[in-house]
Amino acid sequence: TTLAIINTLSLIIGTLIAIGGAKA
């Protein structure tokens, strides 16, 4: 459960940064 939360959060943050950078 702990591993799942960490991996999901890292993916969310990385995805948001990528989408923001692409739109910029």
PDB file of all heavy atoms in Angstrom:
ATOM      1  N   THR A   1       0.836  -1.198   0.000  1.00  0.00           N
ATOM      2  CA  THR A   1       0.000   0.000   0.000  1.00  0.00           C
ATOM      3  C   THR A   1       0.872   1.249   0.000  1.00  0.00           C
ATOM      4  O   THR A   1       0.631   2.211  -0.737  1.00  0.00           O
ATOM      5  CB  THR A   1      -0.929   0.006   1.225  1.00  0.00           C
ATOM      6  OG1 THR A   1      -1.743  -1.162   1.204  1.00  0.00           O
ATOM      7  CG2 THR A   1      -1.811   1.244   1.233  1.00  0.00           C
ATOM      8  N   THR A   2       1.915   1.231   0.841  1.00  0.00           N
ATOM      9  CA  THR A   2       2.851   2.359   0.896  1.00  0.00           C
ATOM     10  C   THR A   2       3.543   2.555  -0.448  1.00  0.00           C
ATOM     11  O   THR A   2       3.645   3.685  -0.957  1.00  0.00           O
ATOM     12  CB  THR A   2       3.896   2.108   1.996  1.00  0.00           C
ATOM     13  OG1 THR A   2       3.237   1.956   3.243  1.00  0.00           O
ATOM     14  CG2 THR A   2       4.885   3.263   2.079  1.00  0.00           C
ATOM     15  N   LEU A   3       4.028   1.475  -1.026  1.00  0.00           N
ATOM     16  CA  LEU A   3       4.678   1.567  -2.333  1.00  0.00           C
ATOM     17  C   LEU A   3       3.728   2.102  -3.390  1.00  0.00           C
ATOM     18  O   LEU A   3       4.117   2.915  -4.243  1.00  0.00           O
ATOM     19  CB  LEU A   3       5.184   0.180  -2.749  1.00  0.00           C
ATOM     20  CG  LEU A   3       6.433  -0.333  -2.041  1.00  0.00           C
ATOM     21  CD1 LEU A   3       6.592  -1.835  -2.278  1.00  0.00           C
ATOM     22  CD2 LEU A   3       7.669   0.406  -2.524  1.00  0.00           C
ATOM     23  N   ALA A   4       2.487   1.657  -3.336  1.00  0.00           N
ATOM     24  CA  ALA A   4       1.505   2.092  -4.326  1.00  0.00           C
ATOM     25  C   ALA A   4       1.266   3.592  -4.242  1.00  0.00           C
ATOM     26  O   ALA A   4       1.192   4.292  -5.253  1.00  0.00           O
ATOM     27  CB  ALA A   4       0.198   1.331  -4.122  1.00  0.00           C
ATOM     28  N   ILE A   5       1.153   4.108  -3.026  1.00  0.00           N
ATOM     29  CA  ILE A   5       0.899   5.550  -2.836  1.00  0.00           C
ATOM     30  C   ILE A   5       2.077   6.358  -3.361  1.00  0.00           C
ATOM     31  O   ILE A   5       1.906   7.366  -4.067  1.00  0.00           O
ATOM     32  CB  ILE A   5       0.642   5.851  -1.354  1.00  0.00           C
ATOM     33  CG1 ILE A   5      -0.683   5.220  -0.910  1.00  0.00           C
ATOM     34  CG2 ILE A   5       0.621   7.360  -1.109  1.00  0.00           C
ATOM     35  CD1 ILE A   5      -0.929   5.303   0.580  1.00  0.00           C
ATOM     36  N   ILE A   6       3.289   5.930  -3.041  1.00  0.00           N
ATOM     37  CA  ILE A   6       4.484   6.671  -3.480  1.00  0.00           C
ATOM     38  C   ILE A   6       4.582   6.689  -5.005  1.00  0.00           C
ATOM     39  O   ILE A   6       4.814   7.740  -5.619  1.00  0.00           O
ATOM     40  CB  ILE A   6       5.748   6.043  -2.865  1.00  0.00           C
ATOM     41  CG1 ILE A   6       5.758   6.233  -1.351  1.00  0.00           C
ATOM     42  CG2 ILE A   6       7.010   6.658  -3.483  1.00  0.00           C
ATOM     43  CD1 ILE A   6       6.847   5.459  -0.647  1.00  0.00           C
ATOM     44  N   ASN A   7       4.419   5.533  -5.615  1.00  0.00           N
ATOM     45  CA  ASN A   7       4.531   5.461  -7.076  1.00  0.00           C
ATOM     46  C   ASN A   7       3.447   6.267  -7.770  1.00  0.00           C
ATOM     47  O   ASN A   7       3.694   6.903  -8.800  1.00  0.00           O
ATOM     48  CB  ASN A   7       4.467   4.000  -7.522  1.00  0.00           C
ATOM     49  CG  ASN A   7       5.709   3.220  -7.145  1.00  0.00           C
ATOM     50  OD1 ASN A   7       6.805   3.774  -7.098  1.00  0.00           O
ATOM     51  ND2 ASN A   7       5.552   1.940  -6.849  1.00  0.00           N
ATOM     52  N   THR A   8       2.246   6.261  -7.220  1.00  0.00           N
ATOM     53  CA  THR A   8       1.154   7.024  -7.821  1.00  0.00           C
ATOM     54  C   THR A   8       1.416   8.527  -7.717  1.00  0.00           C
ATOM     55  O   THR A   8       1.216   9.279  -8.678  1.00  0.00           O
ATOM     56  CB  THR A   8      -0.183   6.671  -7.146  1.00  0.00           C
ATOM     57  OG1 THR A   8      -0.430   5.269  -7.312  1.00  0.00           O
ATOM     58  CG2 THR A   8      -1.326   7.447  -7.771  1.00  0.00           C
ATOM     59  N   LEU A   9       1.862   8.978  -6.533  1.00  0.00           N
ATOM     60  CA  LEU A   9       2.144  10.410  -6.351  1.00  0.00           C
ATOM     61  C   LEU A   9       3.268  10.877  -7.275  1.00  0.00           C
ATOM     62  O   LEU A   9       3.189  11.967  -7.857  1.00  0.00           O
ATOM     63  CB  LEU A   9       2.513  10.687  -4.893  1.00  0.00           C
ATOM     64  CG  LEU A   9       1.370  10.673  -3.883  1.00  0.00           C
ATOM     65  CD1 LEU A   9       1.904  10.877  -2.464  1.00  0.00           C
ATOM     66  CD2 LEU A   9       0.344  11.754  -4.217  1.00  0.00           C
ATOM     67  N   SER A  10       4.313  10.056  -7.419  1.00  0.00           N
ATOM     68  CA  SER A  10       5.415  10.461  -8.295  1.00  0.00           C
ATOM     69  C   SER A  10       4.953  10.560  -9.742  1.00  0.00           C
ATOM     70  O   SER A  10       5.374  11.461 -10.479  1.00  0.00           O
ATOM     71  CB  SER A  10       6.580   9.462  -8.175  1.00  0.00           C
ATOM     72  OG  SER A  10       6.210   8.185  -8.643  1.00  0.00           O
ATOM     73  N   LEU A  11       4.070   9.655 -10.141  1.00  0.00           N
ATOM     74  CA  LEU A  11       3.542   9.698 -11.505  1.00  0.00           C
ATOM     75  C   LEU A  11       2.651  10.915 -11.715  1.00  0.00           C
ATOM     76  O   LEU A  11       2.709  11.573 -12.766  1.00  0.00           O
ATOM     77  CB  LEU A  11       2.769   8.419 -11.802  1.00  0.00           C
ATOM     78  CG  LEU A  11       2.181   8.285 -13.207  1.00  0.00           C
ATOM     79  CD1 LEU A  11       3.269   8.382 -14.264  1.00  0.00           C
ATOM     80  CD2 LEU A  11       1.418   6.965 -13.349  1.00  0.00           C
ATOM     81  N   ILE A  12       1.825  11.240 -10.724  1.00  0.00           N
ATOM     82  CA  ILE A  12       0.945  12.411 -10.831  1.00  0.00           C
ATOM     83  C   ILE A  12       1.767  13.686 -10.986  1.00  0.00           C
ATOM     84  O   ILE A  12       1.507  14.524 -11.869  1.00  0.00           O
ATOM     85  CB  ILE A  12       0.032  12.514  -9.604  1.00  0.00           C
ATOM     86  CG1 ILE A  12      -1.017  11.398  -9.610  1.00  0.00           C
ATOM     87  CG2 ILE A  12      -0.666  13.880  -9.552  1.00  0.00           C
ATOM     88  CD1 ILE A  12      -1.852  11.332  -8.347  1.00  0.00           C
ATOM     89  N   ILE A  13       2.771  13.851 -10.129  1.00  0.00           N
ATOM     90  CA  ILE A  13       3.587  15.064 -10.175  1.00  0.00           C
ATOM     91  C   ILE A  13       4.338  15.162 -11.507  1.00  0.00           C
ATOM     92  O   ILE A  13       4.364  16.223 -12.154  1.00  0.00           O
ATOM     93  CB  ILE A  13       4.572  15.096  -8.992  1.00  0.00           C
ATOM     94  CG1 ILE A  13       3.795  15.212  -7.676  1.00  0.00           C
ATOM     95  CG2 ILE A  13       5.549  16.266  -9.126  1.00  0.00           C
ATOM     96  CD1 ILE A  13       4.658  15.052  -6.435  1.00  0.00           C
ATOM     97  N   GLY A  14       4.956  14.053 -11.926  1.00  0.00           N
ATOM     98  CA  GLY A  14       5.676  14.066 -13.199  1.00  0.00           C
ATOM     99  C   GLY A  14       4.763  14.356 -14.375  1.00  0.00           C
ATOM    100  O   GLY A  14       5.133  15.100 -15.292  1.00  0.00           O
ATOM    101  N   THR A  15       3.566  13.799 -14.353  1.00  0.00           N
ATOM    102  CA  THR A  15       2.606  14.017 -15.442  1.00  0.00           C
ATOM    103  C   THR A  15       2.152  15.467 -15.506  1.00  0.00           C
ATOM    104  O   THR A  15       2.080  16.069 -16.592  1.00  0.00           O
ATOM    105  CB  THR A  15       1.391  13.093 -15.263  1.00  0.00           C
ATOM    106  OG1 THR A  15       1.826  11.727 -15.311  1.00  0.00           O
ATOM    107  CG2 THR A  15       0.367  13.330 -16.356  1.00  0.00           C
ATOM    108  N   LEU A  16       1.842  16.044 -14.363  1.00  0.00           N
ATOM    109  CA  LEU A  16       1.391  17.442 -14.331  1.00  0.00           C
ATOM    110  C   LEU A  16       2.482  18.383 -14.838  1.00  0.00           C
ATOM    111  O   LEU A  16       2.196  19.342 -15.574  1.00  0.00           O
ATOM    112  CB  LEU A  16       0.975  17.827 -12.908  1.00  0.00           C
ATOM    113  CG  LEU A  16      -0.301  17.164 -12.377  1.00  0.00           C
ATOM    114  CD1 LEU A  16      -0.542  17.554 -10.918  1.00  0.00           C
ATOM    115  CD2 LEU A  16      -1.507  17.548 -13.231  1.00  0.00           C
ATOM    116  N   ILE A  17       3.717  18.121 -14.442  1.00  0.00           N
ATOM    117  CA  ILE A  17       4.826  18.960 -14.912  1.00  0.00           C
ATOM    118  C   ILE A  17       4.989  18.822 -16.426  1.00  0.00           C
ATOM    119  O   ILE A  17       5.208  19.822 -17.136  1.00  0.00           O
ATOM    120  CB  ILE A  17       6.127  18.574 -14.186  1.00  0.00           C
ATOM    121  CG1 ILE A  17       6.036  18.987 -12.715  1.00  0.00           C
ATOM    122  CG2 ILE A  17       7.339  19.226 -14.854  1.00  0.00           C
ATOM    123  CD1 ILE A  17       7.215  18.532 -11.880  1.00  0.00           C
ATOM    124  N   ALA A  18       4.873  17.597 -16.951  1.00  0.00           N
ATOM    125  CA  ALA A  18       5.019  17.386 -18.390  1.00  0.00           C
ATOM    126  C   ALA A  18       3.914  18.087 -19.171  1.00  0.00           C
ATOM    127  O   ALA A  18       4.172  18.738 -20.198  1.00  0.00           O
ATOM    128  CB  ALA A  18       5.005  15.892 -18.695  1.00  0.00           C
ATOM    129  N   ILE A  19       2.684  17.973 -18.698  1.00  0.00           N
ATOM    130  CA  ILE A  19       1.569  18.626 -19.397  1.00  0.00           C
ATOM    131  C   ILE A  19       1.726  20.143 -19.358  1.00  0.00           C
ATOM    132  O   ILE A  19       1.517  20.835 -20.368  1.00  0.00           O
ATOM    133  CB  ILE A  19       0.224  18.199 -18.773  1.00  0.00           C
ATOM    134  CG1 ILE A  19      -0.020  16.706 -19.054  1.00  0.00           C
ATOM    135  CG2 ILE A  19      -0.925  19.028 -19.325  1.00  0.00           C
ATOM    136  CD1 ILE A  19      -1.230  16.151 -18.342  1.00  0.00           C
ATOM    137  N   GLY A  20       2.126  20.675 -18.185  1.00  0.00           N
ATOM    138  CA  GLY A  20       2.354  22.117 -18.083  1.00  0.00           C
ATOM    139  C   GLY A  20       3.451  22.586 -19.018  1.00  0.00           C
ATOM    140  O   GLY A  20       3.318  23.623 -19.683  1.00  0.00           O
ATOM    141  N   GLY A  21       4.546  21.820 -19.082  1.00  0.00           N
ATOM    142  CA  GLY A  21       5.643  22.190 -19.967  1.00  0.00           C
ATOM    143  C   GLY A  21       5.255  22.113 -21.433  1.00  0.00           C
ATOM    144  O   GLY A  21       5.642  22.970 -22.241  1.00  0.00           O
ATOM    145  N   ALA A  22       4.478  21.090 -21.791  1.00  0.00           N
ATOM    146  CA  ALA A  22       4.038  20.956 -23.188  1.00  0.00           C
ATOM    147  C   ALA A  22       3.134  22.115 -23.591  1.00  0.00           C
ATOM    148  O   ALA A  22       3.263  22.676 -24.686  1.00  0.00           O
ATOM    149  CB  ALA A  22       3.318  19.618 -23.381  1.00  0.00           C
ATOM    150  N   LYS A  23       2.203  22.481 -22.720  1.00  0.00           N
ATOM    151  CA  LYS A  23       1.300  23.592 -23.024  1.00  0.00           C
ATOM    152  C   LYS A  23       2.041  24.918 -23.076  1.00  0.00           C
ATOM    153  O   LYS A  23       1.624  25.845 -23.786  1.00  0.00           O
ATOM    154  CB  LYS A  23       0.188  23.652 -21.982  1.00  0.00           C
ATOM    155  CG  LYS A  23      -0.767  22.448 -22.031  1.00  0.00           C
ATOM    156  CD  LYS A  23      -1.916  22.601 -21.064  1.00  0.00           C
ATOM    157  CE  LYS A  23      -2.888  23.674 -21.546  1.00  0.00           C
ATOM    158  NZ  LYS A  23      -4.097  23.731 -20.689  1.00  0.00           N
ATOM    159  N   ALA A  24       3.134  25.017 -22.325  1.00  0.00           N
ATOM    160  CA  ALA A  24       3.927  26.253 -22.336  1.00  0.00           C
ATOM    161  C   ALA A  24       4.834  26.340 -23.556  1.00  0.00           C
ATOM    162  O   ALA A  24       5.508  27.365 -23.753  1.00  0.00           O
ATOM    163  CB  ALA A  24       4.754  26.346 -21.062  1.00  0.00           C
TER     164      ALA A  24
END
